[in-house]
Protein backbone atom coordinates (compact mmCIF):
# COMPACT_ATOMS: atom_id res chain seq x y z
CA MET A 1 70.68 58.07 98.05
CA ARG A 2 73.37 55.60 98.90
CA ILE A 3 76.87 56.11 97.60
CA LEU A 4 79.78 54.39 97.34
CA ILE A 5 83.22 56.13 97.20
CA ARG A 6 86.09 53.60 96.25
CA ASN A 7 90.11 53.98 96.74
CA GLY A 8 90.51 57.31 98.16
CA ARG A 9 92.98 58.56 100.44
CA LEU A 10 90.80 59.33 103.20
CA ILE A 11 91.89 62.47 105.03
CA CYS A 12 89.92 63.63 108.44
CA PRO A 13 92.16 65.71 111.15
CA LEU A 14 89.43 64.90 113.52
CA GLN A 15 90.36 61.51 113.46
CA GLN A 16 93.94 62.09 112.54
CA LEU A 17 93.07 59.83 109.47
CA ASP A 18 95.32 59.49 106.42
CA ASP A 19 94.87 56.47 104.62
CA VAL A 20 93.34 54.54 101.62
CA GLY A 21 89.73 53.16 101.77
CA ASP A 22 86.31 53.60 100.81
CA VAL A 23 83.33 55.87 101.92
CA CYS A 24 79.94 54.63 102.25
CA ILE A 25 77.03 57.16 102.32
CA ALA A 26 73.33 56.82 102.97
CA ASP A 27 70.66 59.11 103.88
CA GLY A 28 72.71 62.53 104.28
CA ARG A 29 74.93 60.72 106.43
CA ILE A 30 78.74 58.82 106.35
CA VAL A 31 77.64 55.36 107.28
CA ALA A 32 81.45 53.66 106.78
CA VAL A 33 84.81 54.59 106.46
CA GLY A 34 87.89 52.75 105.60
CA ALA A 35 85.95 49.25 103.99
CA PRO A 36 82.45 49.22 102.75
CA ALA A 37 79.57 48.35 105.57
CA ASP A 38 78.28 44.75 105.46
CA GLY A 39 75.28 44.19 103.06
CA PHE A 40 75.73 47.81 101.70
CA SER A 41 74.12 48.47 98.10
CA ALA A 42 75.06 51.95 96.29
CA ASP A 43 72.61 53.83 94.22
CA LEU A 44 75.78 55.24 92.72
CA GLU A 45 79.34 54.10 92.68
CA ILE A 46 82.73 56.14 91.86
CA THR A 47 85.82 54.37 91.72
CA LEU A 48 88.69 56.48 92.52
CA GLU A 49 92.78 55.94 91.63
CA GLY A 50 94.05 57.79 94.86
CA GLU A 51 92.23 61.16 94.91
CA PHE A 52 91.89 63.11 98.06
CA ILE A 53 88.41 62.39 99.88
CA CYS A 54 87.99 65.19 102.53
CA PRO A 55 85.49 66.89 104.34
CA GLY A 56 83.89 70.06 102.64
CA ILE A 57 85.73 73.09 103.32
CA VAL A 58 84.39 75.62 105.70
CA ASP A 59 85.40 78.85 104.15
CA LEU A 60 85.42 81.78 107.01
CA SER A 61 85.01 84.54 104.70
CA VAL A 62 83.17 84.72 101.64
CA HIS A 63 81.12 87.98 100.26
CA THR A 64 78.09 86.68 98.34
CA ARG A 65 77.29 90.68 97.90
CA GLU A 66 73.96 89.53 97.94
CA PRO A 67 71.70 91.76 99.32
CA GLY A 68 72.62 95.05 98.22
CA PHE A 69 75.26 94.92 95.97
CA GLU A 70 74.08 91.86 93.04
CA HIS A 71 75.86 94.32 90.45
CA LYS A 72 79.11 92.57 91.52
CA ALA A 73 77.98 88.95 92.77
CA SER A 74 74.82 87.12 94.30
CA ILE A 75 74.25 84.70 97.12
CA ALA A 76 73.66 81.89 93.29
CA SER A 77 76.65 82.86 91.52
CA GLU A 78 79.44 82.62 94.49
CA SER A 79 77.26 79.48 95.49
CA ALA A 80 77.71 77.85 92.40
CA ALA A 81 81.65 78.94 92.96
CA ALA A 82 81.82 77.52 95.97
CA LEU A 83 80.64 74.18 94.88
CA ARG A 84 83.56 73.96 92.41
CA ALA A 85 85.94 74.59 95.13
CA GLY A 86 84.69 72.26 97.42
CA VAL A 87 83.26 74.78 99.84
CA THR A 88 80.24 73.23 101.71
CA GLY A 89 79.71 75.87 103.87
CA MET A 90 80.50 79.95 103.82
CA VAL A 91 80.46 82.14 106.48
CA CYS A 92 79.37 85.74 105.03
CA PRO A 93 80.30 89.46 106.63
CA PRO A 94 77.64 91.39 107.57
CA ASN A 95 78.42 94.10 105.16
CA THR A 96 75.85 93.94 102.91
CA ARG A 97 73.27 96.90 101.81
CA PRO A 98 70.70 96.63 103.86
CA VAL A 99 73.74 95.49 106.82
CA THR A 100 73.18 92.55 108.62
CA ASP A 101 71.93 93.79 112.30
CA ASN A 102 68.15 92.36 112.25
CA PRO A 103 66.82 89.16 111.59
CA ALA A 104 64.80 90.34 108.89
CA VAL A 105 67.87 90.91 106.21
CA VAL A 106 69.13 86.94 107.85
CA GLU A 107 65.64 85.37 107.32
CA LEU A 108 66.03 86.94 103.78
CA VAL A 109 69.37 85.41 103.15
CA ARG A 110 68.94 82.15 104.76
CA GLN A 111 65.46 81.99 102.10
CA ARG A 112 67.16 82.18 99.26
CA GLN A 113 69.86 79.68 99.86
CA ALA A 114 67.30 77.38 100.78
CA ARG A 115 65.64 77.95 97.54
CA LEU A 116 69.03 76.66 95.94
CA LYS A 117 69.91 74.12 98.16
CA GLN A 118 73.75 74.69 97.57
CA THR A 119 76.22 75.48 99.98
CA ARG A 120 75.65 75.97 103.48
CA ILE A 121 75.22 79.62 104.34
CA TYR A 122 76.36 80.80 108.02
CA PRO A 123 75.88 84.78 108.01
CA LEU A 124 77.73 86.96 110.55
CA GLY A 125 75.59 89.58 112.59
CA ALA A 126 76.77 92.74 112.96
CA LEU A 127 77.97 93.96 116.18
CA THR A 128 76.52 97.63 115.62
CA ARG A 129 73.28 98.98 114.21
CA GLY A 130 74.47 99.61 111.07
CA LEU A 131 78.56 98.96 111.45
CA GLU A 132 78.50 102.78 112.52
CA GLY A 133 80.45 101.89 115.79
CA ARG A 134 77.91 103.58 118.26
CA GLN A 135 74.70 101.18 119.32
CA LEU A 136 75.15 97.87 120.11
CA THR A 137 72.54 95.63 118.17
CA ALA A 138 70.13 93.31 119.23
CA VAL A 139 72.50 90.09 119.84
CA ALA A 140 69.74 87.81 121.11
CA ALA A 141 67.47 88.23 118.11
CA LEU A 142 70.22 87.59 115.77
CA ARG A 143 71.41 84.51 117.44
CA GLN A 144 67.67 83.29 117.11
CA ALA A 145 67.90 84.10 113.67
CA GLY A 146 70.79 82.01 113.09
CA CYS A 147 73.70 84.29 113.28
CA VAL A 148 76.93 81.82 114.04
CA GLY A 149 78.96 85.40 115.27
CA LEU A 150 79.06 88.82 115.41
CA SER A 151 81.56 91.44 113.40
CA ASN A 152 81.66 94.71 112.21
CA ALA A 153 83.16 93.62 108.81
CA ASP A 154 85.33 96.47 107.47
CA ARG A 155 84.08 99.13 109.76
CA PRO A 156 86.53 99.51 112.81
CA ILE A 157 85.20 100.08 115.87
CA VAL A 158 86.74 103.18 117.24
CA ASP A 159 85.36 104.25 120.50
CA THR A 160 86.99 101.50 122.79
CA GLU A 161 84.24 101.89 125.36
CA VAL A 162 81.72 101.08 122.80
CA LEU A 163 83.89 97.87 121.91
CA ARG A 164 84.15 96.81 125.45
CA ARG A 165 80.38 96.82 125.52
CA ALA A 166 80.26 94.55 122.56
CA PHE A 167 82.44 92.31 124.20
CA GLU A 168 80.31 92.02 127.25
CA TYR A 169 77.54 91.57 125.32
CA ALA A 170 79.01 88.96 122.92
CA ALA A 171 80.16 86.83 125.86
CA SER A 172 77.23 86.93 127.56
CA PHE A 173 75.43 85.24 124.37
CA GLU A 174 78.65 82.95 124.23
CA LEU A 175 78.80 84.10 120.43
CA PRO A 176 82.48 84.64 118.71
CA VAL A 177 83.57 87.93 117.88
CA PHE A 178 85.19 88.29 114.61
CA ILE A 179 87.49 91.26 114.65
CA HIS A 180 89.23 92.29 111.69
CA PRO A 181 92.11 94.39 113.40
CA GLU A 182 93.14 97.54 111.91
CA ASP A 183 93.33 101.39 113.67
CA SER A 184 91.46 103.50 111.12
CA TYR A 185 93.93 106.79 112.27
CA LEU A 186 97.11 104.93 111.51
CA ARG A 187 95.88 103.51 108.39
CA ASN A 188 94.58 107.04 107.65
CA GLN A 189 94.14 106.96 103.79
CA GLY A 190 96.81 103.94 103.02
CA VAL A 191 95.83 101.33 100.05
CA MET A 192 98.74 99.47 100.46
CA HIS A 193 101.63 98.51 103.01
CA GLU A 194 103.68 101.18 104.15
CA GLY A 195 107.15 100.58 102.85
CA LYS A 196 109.99 101.04 100.60
CA ILE A 197 107.74 99.65 97.74
CA SER A 198 104.73 101.99 98.67
CA THR A 199 107.11 104.79 98.49
CA ARG A 200 108.86 104.67 95.11
CA LEU A 201 104.93 104.18 93.58
CA GLY A 202 103.78 107.25 95.68
CA LEU A 203 101.07 105.28 97.18
CA PRO A 204 99.86 106.01 100.97
CA GLY A 205 101.52 103.41 102.96
CA ILE A 206 99.23 101.12 105.75
CA PRO A 207 102.00 100.56 108.87
CA GLU A 208 101.88 97.50 110.27
CA THR A 209 101.18 98.89 113.22
CA ALA A 210 97.69 99.73 112.14
CA GLU A 211 97.46 96.10 112.62
CA THR A 212 99.39 95.24 115.60
CA SER A 213 98.23 97.99 117.44
CA ALA A 214 94.34 97.21 117.31
CA ILE A 215 95.51 93.76 117.82
CA SER A 216 97.10 94.73 121.18
CA ARG A 217 93.68 96.77 122.19
CA ALA A 218 91.15 93.73 121.59
CA LEU A 219 93.68 91.28 123.76
CA LEU A 220 93.12 93.29 126.36
CA LEU A 221 89.70 93.87 126.54
CA ILE A 222 89.12 90.07 125.61
CA GLU A 223 91.05 89.26 128.87
CA GLN A 224 89.31 91.53 130.77
CA THR A 225 85.82 90.11 129.25
CA GLY A 226 86.53 86.47 128.69
CA VAL A 227 84.64 86.95 125.11
CA ARG A 228 85.61 84.35 122.44
CA ALA A 229 87.29 86.10 119.77
CA HIS A 230 88.50 85.47 115.77
CA PHE A 231 91.15 87.52 114.56
CA CYS A 232 90.78 87.88 110.74
CA ARG A 233 93.13 88.12 108.02
CA LEU A 234 96.43 88.25 110.38
CA SER A 235 98.95 89.77 107.63
CA CYS A 236 101.94 90.34 109.06
CA ALA A 237 104.70 88.65 111.51
CA ARG A 238 104.10 90.78 114.82
CA SER A 239 100.60 90.06 115.07
CA VAL A 240 101.66 86.29 114.39
CA GLU A 241 103.75 87.01 117.72
CA LEU A 242 100.65 88.52 119.64
CA VAL A 243 98.16 85.81 118.55
CA GLY A 244 100.70 82.91 119.79
CA ALA A 245 101.56 85.01 122.97
CA ALA A 246 98.07 85.12 123.63
CA LYS A 247 96.96 82.09 123.45
CA GLN A 248 99.84 80.44 125.60
CA GLN A 249 98.53 82.33 128.14
CA GLY A 250 94.92 80.96 127.66
CA LEU A 251 93.07 83.41 126.04
CA PRO A 252 90.17 82.15 124.31
CA ILE A 253 91.05 83.43 120.52
CA SER A 254 91.42 82.47 117.42
CA ALA A 255 92.66 83.25 113.73
CA ASP A 256 92.58 82.61 110.23
CA VAL A 257 95.01 84.33 107.05
CA GLY A 258 93.56 84.44 103.25
CA ILE A 259 94.67 82.50 100.52
CA CYS A 260 96.73 85.32 99.04
CA HIS A 261 98.87 86.39 102.22
CA LEU A 262 100.35 83.19 101.65
CA TYR A 263 101.39 83.48 98.46
CA LEU A 264 101.81 87.24 97.55
CA THR A 265 103.31 90.06 98.51
CA GLU A 266 103.89 94.02 98.30
CA THR A 267 106.59 93.37 95.33
CA ASP A 268 103.15 91.89 93.22
CA VAL A 269 101.28 95.20 93.80
CA ASP A 270 104.65 96.81 91.79
CA GLY A 271 102.93 97.88 88.39
CA PHE A 272 100.13 99.65 90.30
CA ASN A 273 98.16 95.81 89.87
CA ALA A 274 95.16 96.82 91.16
CA GLN A 275 94.30 92.99 91.32
CA CYS A 276 96.58 92.94 94.38
CA HIS A 277 94.80 96.04 96.00
CA LEU A 278 94.14 93.78 99.26
CA TRP A 279 92.85 94.64 102.73
CA PRO A 280 94.82 93.86 104.85
CA PRO A 281 97.18 94.75 102.74
CA LEU A 282 99.68 92.68 101.37
CA ARG A 283 102.80 92.76 103.55
CA THR A 284 106.90 91.72 102.68
CA ASP A 285 107.65 88.35 102.06
CA ARG A 286 109.32 87.98 105.83
CA ASP A 287 105.59 88.57 106.73
CA ARG A 288 104.56 85.77 104.49
CA LEU A 289 107.04 83.49 105.82
CA ALA A 290 105.58 84.25 109.23
CA LEU A 291 102.67 83.57 108.01
CA LEU A 292 103.22 80.08 107.11
CA ASP A 293 105.23 79.60 110.00
CA GLY A 294 102.07 80.74 112.47
CA LEU A 295 100.16 78.40 110.44
CA ARG A 296 102.26 75.11 110.63
CA ARG A 297 103.05 75.50 113.94
CA GLY A 298 98.77 76.23 115.13
CA VAL A 299 98.88 79.67 116.13
CA ILE A 300 96.80 80.27 112.88
CA ASP A 301 94.00 78.18 113.17
CA ALA A 302 92.41 78.04 109.76
CA ILE A 303 93.01 79.47 105.58
CA CYS A 304 90.15 80.88 103.68
CA SER A 305 89.80 82.42 100.41
CA ASP A 306 88.90 86.31 101.89
CA HIS A 307 86.39 85.97 98.66
CA GLN A 308 85.46 89.83 97.91
CA PRO A 309 84.12 89.56 94.05
CA HIS A 310 83.84 92.89 92.06
CA ASP A 311 82.73 94.26 89.04
CA GLU A 312 85.16 95.28 86.32
CA ASP A 313 84.60 99.03 87.14
CA ALA A 314 85.74 98.83 90.85
CA LYS A 315 89.35 97.86 89.53
CA ALA A 316 89.49 100.34 86.38
CA ALA A 317 90.63 103.40 88.11
CA PRO A 318 93.73 104.43 89.51
CA PHE A 319 95.34 102.18 92.39
CA SER A 320 94.08 104.13 95.16
CA SER A 321 91.03 104.67 93.82
CA THR A 322 90.42 101.20 93.21
CA GLU A 323 87.83 98.72 95.79
CA ALA A 324 90.29 96.25 97.50
CA GLY A 325 89.37 92.82 97.46
CA ALA A 326 89.86 89.37 95.22
CA SER A 327 87.93 86.71 93.69
CA THR A 328 90.02 84.02 95.12
CA LEU A 329 86.99 81.26 95.80
CA GLU A 330 88.17 79.07 93.12
CA ALA A 331 91.92 79.06 93.70
CA LEU A 332 91.52 78.25 97.61
CA ALA A 333 91.80 74.37 97.88
CA PRO A 334 94.35 73.73 94.64
CA LEU A 335 96.93 76.82 96.51
CA ALA A 336 95.97 75.22 100.05
CA PHE A 337 97.05 71.67 98.50
CA ASN A 338 100.30 72.98 97.23
CA LEU A 339 101.38 73.74 100.75
CA VAL A 340 102.12 70.24 101.07
CA ALA A 341 103.95 69.77 98.33
CA THR A 342 106.46 73.09 98.38
CA ARG A 343 106.09 74.25 102.10
CA ALA A 344 106.18 70.82 103.86
CA PHE A 345 103.01 71.02 105.34
CA THR A 346 100.84 67.68 105.40
CA PRO A 347 97.38 67.07 104.10
CA THR A 348 96.11 66.65 107.58
CA GLN A 349 97.21 70.01 108.61
CA ILE A 350 96.09 71.84 105.60
CA ILE A 351 92.27 69.96 105.88
CA GLY A 352 92.71 70.37 108.96
CA ALA A 353 92.68 74.19 108.51
CA LEU A 354 90.17 74.12 105.46
CA THR A 355 87.76 72.10 107.99
CA CYS A 356 87.30 71.10 111.39
CA HIS A 357 89.49 74.14 112.48
CA PRO A 358 87.36 76.64 110.84
CA ALA A 359 84.00 74.80 112.02
CA ALA A 360 84.99 75.03 115.33
CA VAL A 361 85.28 78.92 115.01
CA ILE A 362 81.64 79.08 114.67
CA GLY A 363 80.74 75.94 116.47
CA ILE A 364 79.18 73.56 113.84
CA ASP A 365 79.07 70.27 113.75
CA SER A 366 81.26 69.92 110.46
CA GLY A 367 84.70 68.89 109.22
CA SER A 368 84.44 65.14 109.64
CA LEU A 369 84.62 61.63 107.74
CA THR A 370 83.19 60.15 111.15
CA PRO A 371 80.61 57.47 110.80
CA GLY A 372 77.70 59.76 111.42
CA ALA A 373 79.09 63.01 110.38
CA LEU A 374 77.15 64.92 107.46
CA ALA A 375 78.27 63.60 104.29
CA ASP A 376 79.40 67.16 103.17
CA LEU A 377 82.59 66.28 101.80
CA PHE A 378 84.85 66.83 98.58
CA ILE A 379 86.98 64.73 96.12
CA PHE A 380 90.38 66.62 95.10
CA ASN A 381 92.73 65.35 92.69
CA ASP A 382 95.92 66.98 93.32
CA ARG A 383 97.93 65.52 89.91
CA GLN A 384 95.42 67.29 87.49
CA GLN A 385 97.53 70.35 86.36
CA TRP A 386 95.25 73.52 84.48
CA THR A 387 95.56 76.91 84.43
CA LEU A 388 93.48 79.25 85.98
CA SER A 389 91.75 81.96 83.85
CA ALA A 390 89.98 84.72 85.34
CA ALA A 391 87.29 84.87 82.52
CA ALA A 392 86.69 81.58 82.84
CA LEU A 393 85.61 81.84 86.54
CA THR A 394 82.41 80.43 87.78
CA SER A 395 82.05 83.45 90.71
CA ALA A 396 80.49 86.07 89.09
CA GLY A 397 83.60 88.42 90.10
CA LYS A 398 86.56 88.31 87.79
CA ASN A 399 89.13 90.11 90.00
CA THR A 400 91.59 87.59 90.95
CA PRO A 401 95.46 88.21 90.69
CA PHE A 402 96.02 84.20 89.78
CA ASP A 403 94.58 84.86 86.19
CA GLY A 404 97.50 83.26 84.12
CA TRP A 405 98.67 80.70 87.26
CA GLU A 406 99.28 77.44 86.50
CA MET A 407 97.28 75.13 89.58
CA CYS A 408 98.01 71.53 90.54
CA GLY A 409 94.72 70.25 91.41
CA ARG A 410 91.25 70.00 91.29
CA VAL A 411 88.22 69.47 92.84
CA MET A 412 86.74 66.92 91.33
CA HIS A 413 83.52 66.24 93.10
CA THR A 414 81.33 67.73 95.82
CA PHE A 415 78.87 66.45 98.22
CA ILE A 416 76.14 67.86 100.21
CA ASP A 417 73.93 66.29 102.70
CA GLY A 418 75.09 63.15 100.60
CA LYS A 419 73.77 63.98 97.27
CA PRO A 420 76.43 65.04 94.38
CA ALA A 421 76.36 69.04 94.08
CA PHE A 422 79.41 69.02 91.70
CA THR A 423 80.80 66.67 89.02
CA TYR A 424 84.13 68.40 87.33
CA GLU A 425 83.40 67.14 83.44
């Protein structure tokens, strides 16, 4: 299919491009940007009024819940939600059932995704068998099966010697390790940030040192082993400082932040709001501002949805008994773009944090509007206002803290392989 998209605001961080122009697509690839190619004839023309044309979003954390937790969501339901969100590639953690610790599970996921022909799925392999933190997985087999990285998901490896060996093993295969930094002993039974609000609500707290001590341990092992590591979902100011200092020393690390932590704080938990029961927990406003500053300075490389759909029962119990996580895919783009208007980010900074930077983390050729690149892209209207309704989400998970929020901006089109995959009507 040959497509001509006219009069859009082109944003491509890799080219430092921010200009108004056209995009020509043919045979699944971008053939011209700025002005139409000579003699180009299109099967489909889309004329815009200055809407953004951006590379497709690469989301570093989307739980599709399949296999094993289909009562919460599925690859089909979350792929459909991803398309509405402008997400053309999503990284899926290994905490499925069975765990993604062998090639058979990876192949199952890839086959189901291939049948749908929708958003690309990039699976993470488990660092340890069953995520139990004891025996290492067959990394070579996982890499060959298509895993783009390794992770122990939400199950921190307690034994430091096992963690060191896992880093060494991953480094030998040049696979990045995704680290969810947490000291499980310091977390104990905590369910929210340790502070005045947790004390007033009578909820067990999670100190920031549960995160920062785990980052410090990991950084020492990264320095020793040389493994390429990615810190997932930083949540506090001190974490930003530690990662920033390590980057200045030249350690091969990157980091991301979840969209919720750029907007919400511990005060949103007040009233025992289970939709704000997240992991890592929402922290103080000082921490939130430090995360924004870290993103602005490039200490934090990427913004992700950290999309975790749940069934209704998972959020219906008393706060401490509810499951952590929020359904956030469809809020990602409008909330991220809103940072341009409210937090003095440039469109190039925000799109970079959603596209080429996360693509670089997992080593894929994506996140670009360069001629010859894959035509995975989305069109965003930053003027369209709408109200997010949990009940109307395409995702099977309706557990969002943004229910009723006024959004400014909507994904209008998503293209994958140069073909229209979603059009807002």
